Amino acid sequence: MSGCSTETASISFDFEGAPPSRCTIEGEREFSVLVSPEHAPPINPSPWYAFRYQSNGSENVVVHLRYLAAKHRYRPKWQKQDP
């Protein structure tokens, strides 16, 4: 799987439209995702990113967005998918 996972949560990038990103496990339900531009030097200072997360139980999953030579222009959006 492209991403990272623990026993209770996972982050993945293996779907259409998701760029390859680096994921680091910070805790059982906490991750960091490295968002970086497609090209160096960056064409656009606010690169595209997307990921999917899954978790067991109702506790929150925390995802820190870390940027490499970039920044976001808009607040991140999330979309919930019902099972």
PDB file of N, CA and C in Angstrom:
ATOM      1  N   MET A   1       0.842  -1.178   0.000  1.00  0.00           N
ATOM      2  CA  MET A   1       0.000   0.000   0.000  1.00  0.00           C
ATOM      3  C   MET A   1       0.889   1.243   0.000  1.00  0.00           C
ATOM      4  N   SER A   2       0.491   2.233  -0.738  1.00  0.00           N
ATOM      5  CA  SER A   2       1.185   3.513  -0.775  1.00  0.00           C
ATOM      6  C   SER A   2       0.668   4.369   0.375  1.00  0.00           C
ATOM      7  N   GLY A   3       1.491   4.611   1.379  1.00  0.00           N
ATOM      8  CA  GLY A   3       1.077   5.383   2.538  1.00  0.00           C
ATOM      9  C   GLY A   3       1.679   4.804   3.799  1.00  0.00           C
ATOM     10  N   CYS A   4       0.955   4.913   4.906  1.00  0.00           N
ATOM     11  CA  CYS A   4       1.431   4.309   6.144  1.00  0.00           C
ATOM     12  C   CYS A   4       0.242   3.909   7.007  1.00  0.00           C
ATOM     13  N   SER A   5       0.484   2.940   7.876  1.00  0.00           N
ATOM     14  CA  SER A   5      -0.627   2.448   8.692  1.00  0.00           C
ATOM     15  C   SER A   5      -0.139   1.947  10.041  1.00  0.00           C
ATOM     16  N   THR A   6      -1.051   1.990  10.999  1.00  0.00           N
ATOM     17  CA  THR A   6      -0.838   1.431  12.329  1.00  0.00           C
ATOM     18  C   THR A   6      -1.936   0.387  12.532  1.00  0.00           C
ATOM     19  N   GLU A   7      -2.044  -0.147  13.724  1.00  0.00           N
ATOM     20  CA  GLU A   7      -3.086  -1.140  13.983  1.00  0.00           C
ATOM     21  C   GLU A   7      -4.490  -0.550  13.942  1.00  0.00           C
ATOM     22  N   THR A   8      -4.614   0.763  14.176  1.00  0.00           N
ATOM     23  CA  THR A   8      -5.955   1.363  14.261  1.00  0.00           C
ATOM     24  C   THR A   8      -6.278   2.394  13.185  1.00  0.00           C
ATOM     25  N   ALA A   9      -5.300   2.816  12.377  1.00  0.00           N
ATOM     26  CA  ALA A   9      -5.572   3.842  11.368  1.00  0.00           C
ATOM     27  C   ALA A   9      -4.578   3.721  10.215  1.00  0.00           C
ATOM     28  N   SER A  10      -4.984   4.242   9.056  1.00  0.00           N
ATOM     29  CA  SER A  10      -4.085   4.232   7.901  1.00  0.00           C
ATOM     30  C   SER A  10      -4.337   5.442   7.013  1.00  0.00           C
ATOM     31  N   ILE A  11      -3.285   5.846   6.307  1.00  0.00           N
ATOM     32  CA  ILE A  11      -3.326   6.908   5.302  1.00  0.00           C
ATOM     33  C   ILE A  11      -2.857   6.267   4.008  1.00  0.00           C
ATOM     34  N   SER A  12      -3.582   6.527   2.904  1.00  0.00           N
ATOM     35  CA  SER A  12      -3.150   5.953   1.625  1.00  0.00           C
ATOM     36  C   SER A  12      -3.285   6.972   0.500  1.00  0.00           C
ATOM     37  N   PHE A  13      -2.501   6.756  -0.539  1.00  0.00           N
ATOM     38  CA  PHE A  13      -2.464   7.627  -1.710  1.00  0.00           C
ATOM     39  C   PHE A  13      -2.699   6.819  -2.982  1.00  0.00           C
ATOM     40  N   ASP A  14      -3.231   5.603  -2.853  1.00  0.00           N
ATOM     41  CA  ASP A  14      -3.342   4.681  -3.982  1.00  0.00           C
ATOM     42  C   ASP A  14      -4.713   4.766  -4.665  1.00  0.00           C
ATOM     43  N   PHE A  15      -5.056   5.963  -5.145  1.00  0.00           N
ATOM     44  CA  PHE A  15      -6.293   6.142  -5.895  1.00  0.00           C
ATOM     45  C   PHE A  15      -6.080   7.237  -6.931  1.00  0.00           C
ATOM     46  N   GLU A  16      -6.909   7.252  -7.952  1.00  0.00           N
ATOM     47  CA  GLU A  16      -6.777   8.213  -9.042  1.00  0.00           C
ATOM     48  C   GLU A  16      -6.878   9.637  -8.515  1.00  0.00           C
ATOM     49  N   GLY A  17      -5.959  10.472  -8.936  1.00  0.00           N
ATOM     50  CA  GLY A  17      -5.961  11.870  -8.534  1.00  0.00           C
ATOM     51  C   GLY A  17      -5.087  12.180  -7.342  1.00  0.00           C
ATOM     52  N   ALA A  18      -4.587  11.164  -6.675  1.00  0.00           N
ATOM     53  CA  ALA A  18      -3.729  11.393  -5.505  1.00  0.00           C
ATOM     54  C   ALA A  18      -2.270  11.378  -5.940  1.00  0.00           C
ATOM     55  N   PRO A  19      -1.546  12.460  -5.714  1.00  0.00           N
ATOM     56  CA  PRO A  19      -0.123  12.451  -6.045  1.00  0.00           C
ATOM     57  C   PRO A  19       0.646  11.620  -5.022  1.00  0.00           C
ATOM     58  N   PRO A  20       1.792  11.090  -5.404  1.00  0.00           N
ATOM     59  CA  PRO A  20       2.581  10.340  -4.428  1.00  0.00           C
ATOM     60  C   PRO A  20       3.114  11.292  -3.362  1.00  0.00           C
ATOM     61  N   SER A  21       2.846  11.017  -2.129  1.00  0.00           N
ATOM     62  CA  SER A  21       3.304  11.853  -1.024  1.00  0.00           C
ATOM     63  C   SER A  21       3.980  10.965   0.007  1.00  0.00           C
ATOM     64  N   ARG A  22       4.793  11.574   0.833  1.00  0.00           N
ATOM     65  CA  ARG A  22       5.464  10.836   1.896  1.00  0.00           C
ATOM     66  C   ARG A  22       4.645  10.953   3.167  1.00  0.00           C
ATOM     67  N   CYS A  23       4.453   9.845   3.830  1.00  0.00           N
ATOM     68  CA  CYS A  23       3.688   9.801   5.068  1.00  0.00           C
ATOM     69  C   CYS A  23       4.593   9.280   6.181  1.00  0.00           C
ATOM     70  N   THR A  24       4.470   9.889   7.352  1.00  0.00           N
ATOM     71  CA  THR A  24       5.230   9.473   8.519  1.00  0.00           C
ATOM     72  C   THR A  24       4.263   9.203   9.665  1.00  0.00           C
ATOM     73  N   ILE A  25       4.484   8.117  10.372  1.00  0.00           N
ATOM     74  CA  ILE A  25       3.655   7.795  11.540  1.00  0.00           C
ATOM     75  C   ILE A  25       4.193   8.572  12.735  1.00  0.00           C
ATOM     76  N   GLU A  26       3.320   9.380  13.345  1.00  0.00           N
ATOM     77  CA  GLU A  26       3.688  10.175  14.518  1.00  0.00           C
ATOM     78  C   GLU A  26       3.166   9.542  15.802  1.00  0.00           C
ATOM     79  N   GLY A  27       2.138   8.719  15.673  1.00  0.00           N
ATOM     80  CA  GLY A  27       1.520   8.048  16.811  1.00  0.00           C
ATOM     81  C   GLY A  27       0.528   7.030  16.297  1.00  0.00           C
ATOM     82  N   GLU A  28      -0.153   6.340  17.176  1.00  0.00           N
ATOM     83  CA  GLU A  28      -1.089   5.296  16.755  1.00  0.00           C
ATOM     84  C   GLU A  28      -2.175   5.826  15.821  1.00  0.00           C
ATOM     85  N   ARG A  29      -2.628   7.056  16.039  1.00  0.00           N
ATOM     86  CA  ARG A  29      -3.678   7.657  15.204  1.00  0.00           C
ATOM     87  C   ARG A  29      -3.255   9.043  14.723  1.00  0.00           C
ATOM     88  N   GLU A  30      -1.950   9.241  14.561  1.00  0.00           N
ATOM     89  CA  GLU A  30      -1.413  10.554  14.169  1.00  0.00           C
ATOM     90  C   GLU A  30      -0.360  10.373  13.085  1.00  0.00           C
ATOM     91  N   PHE A  31      -0.485  11.166  12.013  1.00  0.00           N
ATOM     92  CA  PHE A  31       0.391  11.044  10.852  1.00  0.00           C
ATOM     93  C   PHE A  31       0.835  12.428  10.387  1.00  0.00           C
ATOM     94  N   SER A  32       1.942  12.476   9.655  1.00  0.00           N
ATOM     95  CA  SER A  32       2.366  13.674   8.939  1.00  0.00           C
ATOM     96  C   SER A  32       2.438  13.319   7.465  1.00  0.00           C
ATOM     97  N   VAL A  33       1.936  14.224   6.626  1.00  0.00           N
ATOM     98  CA  VAL A  33       1.992  14.040   5.178  1.00  0.00           C
ATOM     99  C   VAL A  33       2.839  15.170   4.616  1.00  0.00           C
ATOM    100  N   LEU A  34       3.869  14.832   3.846  1.00  0.00           N
ATOM    101  CA  LEU A  34       4.737  15.824   3.221  1.00  0.00           C
ATOM    102  C   LEU A  34       4.157  16.198   1.866  1.00  0.00           C
ATOM    103  N   VAL A  35       3.809  17.470   1.702  1.00  0.00           N
ATOM    104  CA  VAL A  35       3.241  17.986   0.458  1.00  0.00           C
ATOM    105  C   VAL A  35       4.342  18.756  -0.248  1.00  0.00           C
ATOM    106  N   SER A  36       4.627  18.384  -1.498  1.00  0.00           N
ATOM    107  CA  SER A  36       5.698  19.052  -2.221  1.00  0.00           C
ATOM    108  C   SER A  36       5.279  19.344  -3.660  1.00  0.00           C
ATOM    109  N   PRO A  37       5.893  20.355  -4.283  1.00  0.00           N
ATOM    110  CA  PRO A  37       5.567  20.697  -5.665  1.00  0.00           C
ATOM    111  C   PRO A  37       5.943  19.565  -6.615  1.00  0.00           C
ATOM    112  N   GLU A  38       5.304  19.559  -7.802  1.00  0.00           N
ATOM    113  CA  GLU A  38       5.590  18.527  -8.794  1.00  0.00           C
ATOM    114  C   GLU A  38       6.958  18.696  -9.425  1.00  0.00           C
ATOM    115  N   HIS A  39       7.408  19.915  -9.580  1.00  0.00           N
ATOM    116  CA  HIS A  39       8.669  20.197 -10.267  1.00  0.00           C
ATOM    117  C   HIS A  39       9.534  21.106  -9.402  1.00  0.00           C
ATOM    118  N   ALA A  40      10.826  21.049  -9.646  1.00  0.00           N
ATOM    119  CA  ALA A  40      11.738  21.962  -8.970  1.00  0.00           C
ATOM    120  C   ALA A  40      12.402  22.840 -10.030  1.00  0.00           C
ATOM    121  N   PRO A  41      12.384  24.135  -9.945  1.00  0.00           N
ATOM    122  CA  PRO A  41      11.667  24.913  -8.947  1.00  0.00           C
ATOM    123  C   PRO A  41      10.158  24.796  -9.153  1.00  0.00           C
ATOM    124  N   PRO A  42       9.394  25.035  -8.108  1.00  0.00           N
ATOM    125  CA  PRO A  42       7.948  24.848  -8.211  1.00  0.00           C
ATOM    126  C   PRO A  42       7.289  25.790  -9.213  1.00  0.00           C
ATOM    127  N   ILE A  43       6.373  25.228  -9.980  1.00  0.00           N
ATOM    128  CA  ILE A  43       5.585  26.022 -10.926  1.00  0.00           C
ATOM    129  C   ILE A  43       4.481  26.745 -10.164  1.00  0.00           C
ATOM    130  N   ASN A  44       3.911  26.049  -9.208  1.00  0.00           N
ATOM    131  CA  ASN A  44       2.790  26.562  -8.443  1.00  0.00           C
ATOM    132  C   ASN A  44       3.133  26.422  -6.959  1.00  0.00           C
ATOM    133  N   PRO A  45       3.106  27.515  -6.196  1.00  0.00           N
ATOM    134  CA  PRO A  45       3.488  27.422  -4.787  1.00  0.00           C
ATOM    135  C   PRO A  45       2.448  26.744  -3.895  1.00  0.00           C
ATOM    136  N   SER A  46       1.330  26.326  -4.458  1.00  0.00           N
ATOM    137  CA  SER A  46       0.328  25.613  -3.654  1.00  0.00           C
ATOM    138  C   SER A  46      -0.004  24.284  -4.336  1.00  0.00           C
ATOM    139  N   PRO A  47       0.849  23.279  -4.149  1.00  0.00           N
ATOM    140  CA  PRO A  47       0.690  22.012  -4.857  1.00  0.00           C
ATOM    141  C   PRO A  47      -0.550  21.230  -4.436  1.00  0.00           C
ATOM    142  N   TRP A  48      -0.968  20.349  -5.332  1.00  0.00           N
ATOM    143  CA  TRP A  48      -2.124  19.491  -5.120  1.00  0.00           C
ATOM    144  C   TRP A  48      -1.748  18.346  -4.194  1.00  0.00           C
ATOM    145  N   TYR A  49      -2.636  17.983  -3.320  1.00  0.00           N
ATOM    146  CA  TYR A  49      -2.443  16.788  -2.508  1.00  0.00           C
ATOM    147  C   TYR A  49      -3.805  16.166  -2.256  1.00  0.00           C
ATOM    148  N   ALA A  50      -3.803  14.882  -2.032  1.00  0.00           N
ATOM    149  CA  ALA A  50      -5.018  14.150  -1.691  1.00  0.00           C
ATOM    150  C   ALA A  50      -4.592  12.870  -1.001  1.00  0.00           C
ATOM    151  N   PHE A  51      -5.394  12.429  -0.055  1.00  0.00           N
ATOM    152  CA  PHE A  51      -5.126  11.169   0.615  1.00  0.00           C
ATOM    153  C   PHE A  51      -6.436  10.634   1.160  1.00  0.00           C
ATOM    154  N   ARG A  52      -6.419   9.378   1.482  1.00  0.00           N
ATOM    155  CA  ARG A  52      -7.584   8.710   2.064  1.00  0.00           C
ATOM    156  C   ARG A  52      -7.150   8.169   3.420  1.00  0.00           C
ATOM    157  N   TYR A  53      -8.034   8.275   4.393  1.00  0.00           N
ATOM    158  CA  TYR A  53      -7.710   7.650   5.670  1.00  0.00           C
ATOM    159  C   TYR A  53      -8.835   6.722   6.087  1.00  0.00           C
ATOM    160  N   GLN A  54      -8.461   5.715   6.833  1.00  0.00           N
ATOM    161  CA  GLN A  54      -9.408   4.770   7.407  1.00  0.00           C
ATOM    162  C   GLN A  54      -9.016   4.568   8.861  1.00  0.00           C
ATOM    163  N   SER A  55     -10.019   4.305   9.697  1.00  0.00           N
ATOM    164  CA  SER A  55      -9.699   4.065  11.107  1.00  0.00           C
ATOM    165  C   SER A  55     -10.698   3.109  11.723  1.00  0.00           C
ATOM    166  N   ASN A  56     -10.242   2.447  12.756  1.00  0.00           N
ATOM    167  CA  ASN A  56     -11.097   1.591  13.571  1.00  0.00           C
ATOM    168  C   ASN A  56     -11.519   2.403  14.783  1.00  0.00           C
ATOM    169  N   GLY A  57     -12.781   2.335  15.142  1.00  0.00           N
ATOM    170  CA  GLY A  57     -13.262   3.065  16.310  1.00  0.00           C
ATOM    171  C   GLY A  57     -13.647   4.491  15.975  1.00  0.00           C
ATOM    172  N   SER A  58     -14.019   5.227  16.998  1.00  0.00           N
ATOM    173  CA  SER A  58     -14.528   6.583  16.793  1.00  0.00           C
ATOM    174  C   SER A  58     -13.543   7.677  17.206  1.00  0.00           C
ATOM    175  N   GLU A  59     -12.355   7.315  17.659  1.00  0.00           N
ATOM    176  CA  GLU A  59     -11.369   8.321  18.046  1.00  0.00           C
ATOM    177  C   GLU A  59     -10.874   9.064  16.810  1.00  0.00           C
ATOM    178  N   ASN A  60     -10.491  10.328  17.010  1.00  0.00           N
ATOM    179  CA  ASN A  60     -10.006  11.153  15.906  1.00  0.00           C
ATOM    180  C   ASN A  60      -8.703  10.629  15.334  1.00  0.00           C
ATOM    181  N   VAL A  61      -8.515  10.890  14.042  1.00  0.00           N
ATOM    182  CA  VAL A  61      -7.242  10.681  13.368  1.00  0.00           C
ATOM    183  C   VAL A  61      -6.676  12.072  13.109  1.00  0.00           C
ATOM    184  N   VAL A  62      -5.431  12.298  13.477  1.00  0.00           N
ATOM    185  CA  VAL A  62      -4.795  13.602  13.301  1.00  0.00           C
ATOM    186  C   VAL A  62      -3.807  13.498  12.144  1.00  0.00           C
ATOM    187  N   VAL A  63      -3.915  14.436  11.196  1.00  0.00           N
ATOM    188  CA  VAL A  63      -2.997  14.481  10.063  1.00  0.00           C
ATOM    189  C   VAL A  63      -2.377  15.869  10.008  1.00  0.00           C
ATOM    190  N   HIS A  64      -1.051  15.932  10.123  1.00  0.00           N
ATOM    191  CA  HIS A  64      -0.316  17.182  10.009  1.00  0.00           C
ATOM    192  C   HIS A  64       0.140  17.322   8.558  1.00  0.00           C
ATOM    193  N   LEU A  65      -0.145  18.456   7.941  1.00  0.00           N
ATOM    194  CA  LEU A  65       0.342  18.722   6.588  1.00  0.00           C
ATOM    195  C   LEU A  65       1.640  19.493   6.702  1.00  0.00           C
ATOM    196  N   ARG A  66       2.702  18.933   6.170  1.00  0.00           N
ATOM    197  CA  ARG A  66       4.024  19.558   6.173  1.00  0.00           C
ATOM    198  C   ARG A  66       4.353  19.904   4.728  1.00  0.00           C
ATOM    199  N   TYR A  67       4.828  21.109   4.493  1.00  0.00           N
ATOM    200  CA  TYR A  67       5.080  21.576   3.131  1.00  0.00           C
ATOM    201  C   TYR A  67       6.572  21.698   2.863  1.00  0.00           C
ATOM    202  N   LEU A  68       6.990  21.255   1.683  1.00  0.00           N
ATOM    203  CA  LEU A  68       8.375  21.349   1.236  1.00  0.00           C
ATOM    204  C   LEU A  68       8.419  22.362   0.102  1.00  0.00           C
ATOM    205  N   ALA A  69       9.016  23.514   0.341  1.00  0.00           N
ATOM    206  CA  ALA A  69       9.135  24.574  -0.671  1.00  0.00           C
ATOM    207  C   ALA A  69       7.778  24.947  -1.260  1.00  0.00           C
ATOM    208  N   ALA A  70       6.756  24.966  -0.418  1.00  0.00           N
ATOM    209  CA  ALA A  70       5.409  25.262  -0.906  1.00  0.00           C
ATOM    210  C   ALA A  70       4.530  25.703   0.257  1.00  0.00           C
ATOM    211  N   LYS A  71       3.290  26.043  -0.059  1.00  0.00           N
ATOM    212  CA  LYS A  71       2.300  26.400   0.946  1.00  0.00           C
ATOM    213  C   LYS A  71       0.920  26.201   0.334  1.00  0.00           C
ATOM    214  N   HIS A  72      -0.106  26.183   1.172  1.00  0.00           N
ATOM    215  CA  HIS A  72      -1.449  26.085   0.606  1.00  0.00           C
ATOM    216  C   HIS A  72      -2.094  27.471   0.587  1.00  0.00           C
ATOM    217  N   ARG A  73      -2.919  27.705  -0.428  1.00  0.00           N
ATOM    218  CA  ARG A  73      -3.612  28.982  -0.551  1.00  0.00           C
ATOM    219  C   ARG A  73      -4.992  28.933   0.073  1.00  0.00           C
ATOM    220  N   TYR A  74      -5.567  27.739   0.177  1.00  0.00           N
ATOM    221  CA  TYR A  74      -6.923  27.574   0.678  1.00  0.00           C
ATOM    222  C   TYR A  74      -6.910  26.582   1.825  1.00  0.00           C
ATOM    223  N   ARG A  75      -7.922  26.696   2.678  1.00  0.00           N
ATOM    224  CA  ARG A  75      -8.057  25.716   3.765  1.00  0.00           C
ATOM    225  C   ARG A  75      -8.240  24.326   3.173  1.00  0.00           C
ATOM    226  N   PRO A  76      -7.604  23.330   3.742  1.00  0.00           N
ATOM    227  CA  PRO A  76      -7.822  21.956   3.264  1.00  0.00           C
ATOM    228  C   PRO A  76      -9.293  21.567   3.393  1.00  0.00           C
ATOM    229  N   LYS A  77      -9.779  20.791   2.445  1.00  0.00           N
ATOM    230  CA  LYS A  77     -11.160  20.320   2.447  1.00  0.00           C
ATOM    231  C   LYS A  77     -11.158  18.823   2.671  1.00  0.00           C
ATOM    232  N   TRP A  78     -12.229  18.325   3.248  1.00  0.00           N
ATOM    233  CA  TRP A  78     -12.337  16.882   3.410  1.00  0.00           C
ATOM    234  C   TRP A  78     -13.719  16.454   2.959  1.00  0.00           C
ATOM    235  N   GLN A  79     -13.766  15.232   2.539  1.00  0.00           N
ATOM    236  CA  GLN A  79     -15.018  14.647   2.052  1.00  0.00           C
ATOM    237  C   GLN A  79     -15.232  13.323   2.735  1.00  0.00           C
ATOM    238  N   LYS A  80     -16.381  13.142   3.325  1.00  0.00           N
ATOM    239  CA  LYS A  80     -16.694  11.897   4.006  1.00  0.00           C
ATOM    240  C   LYS A  80     -17.397  10.972   3.044  1.00  0.00           C
ATOM    241  N   GLN A  81     -16.962   9.719   3.039  1.00  0.00           N
ATOM    242  CA  GLN A  81     -17.614   8.695   2.230  1.00  0.00           C
ATOM    243  C   GLN A  81     -18.257   7.694   3.164  1.00  0.00           C
ATOM    244  N   ASP A  82     -19.531   7.456   2.968  1.00  0.00           N
ATOM    245  CA  ASP A  82     -20.216   6.445   3.766  1.00  0.00           C
ATOM    246  C   ASP A  82     -19.838   5.059   3.273  1.00  0.00           C
ATOM    247  N   PRO A  83     -19.708   4.100   4.182  1.00  0.00           N
ATOM    248  CA  PRO A  83     -19.305   2.736   3.790  1.00  0.00           C
ATOM    249  C   PRO A  83     -20.319   2.057   2.894  1.00  0.00           C
TER     250      PRO A  83
END
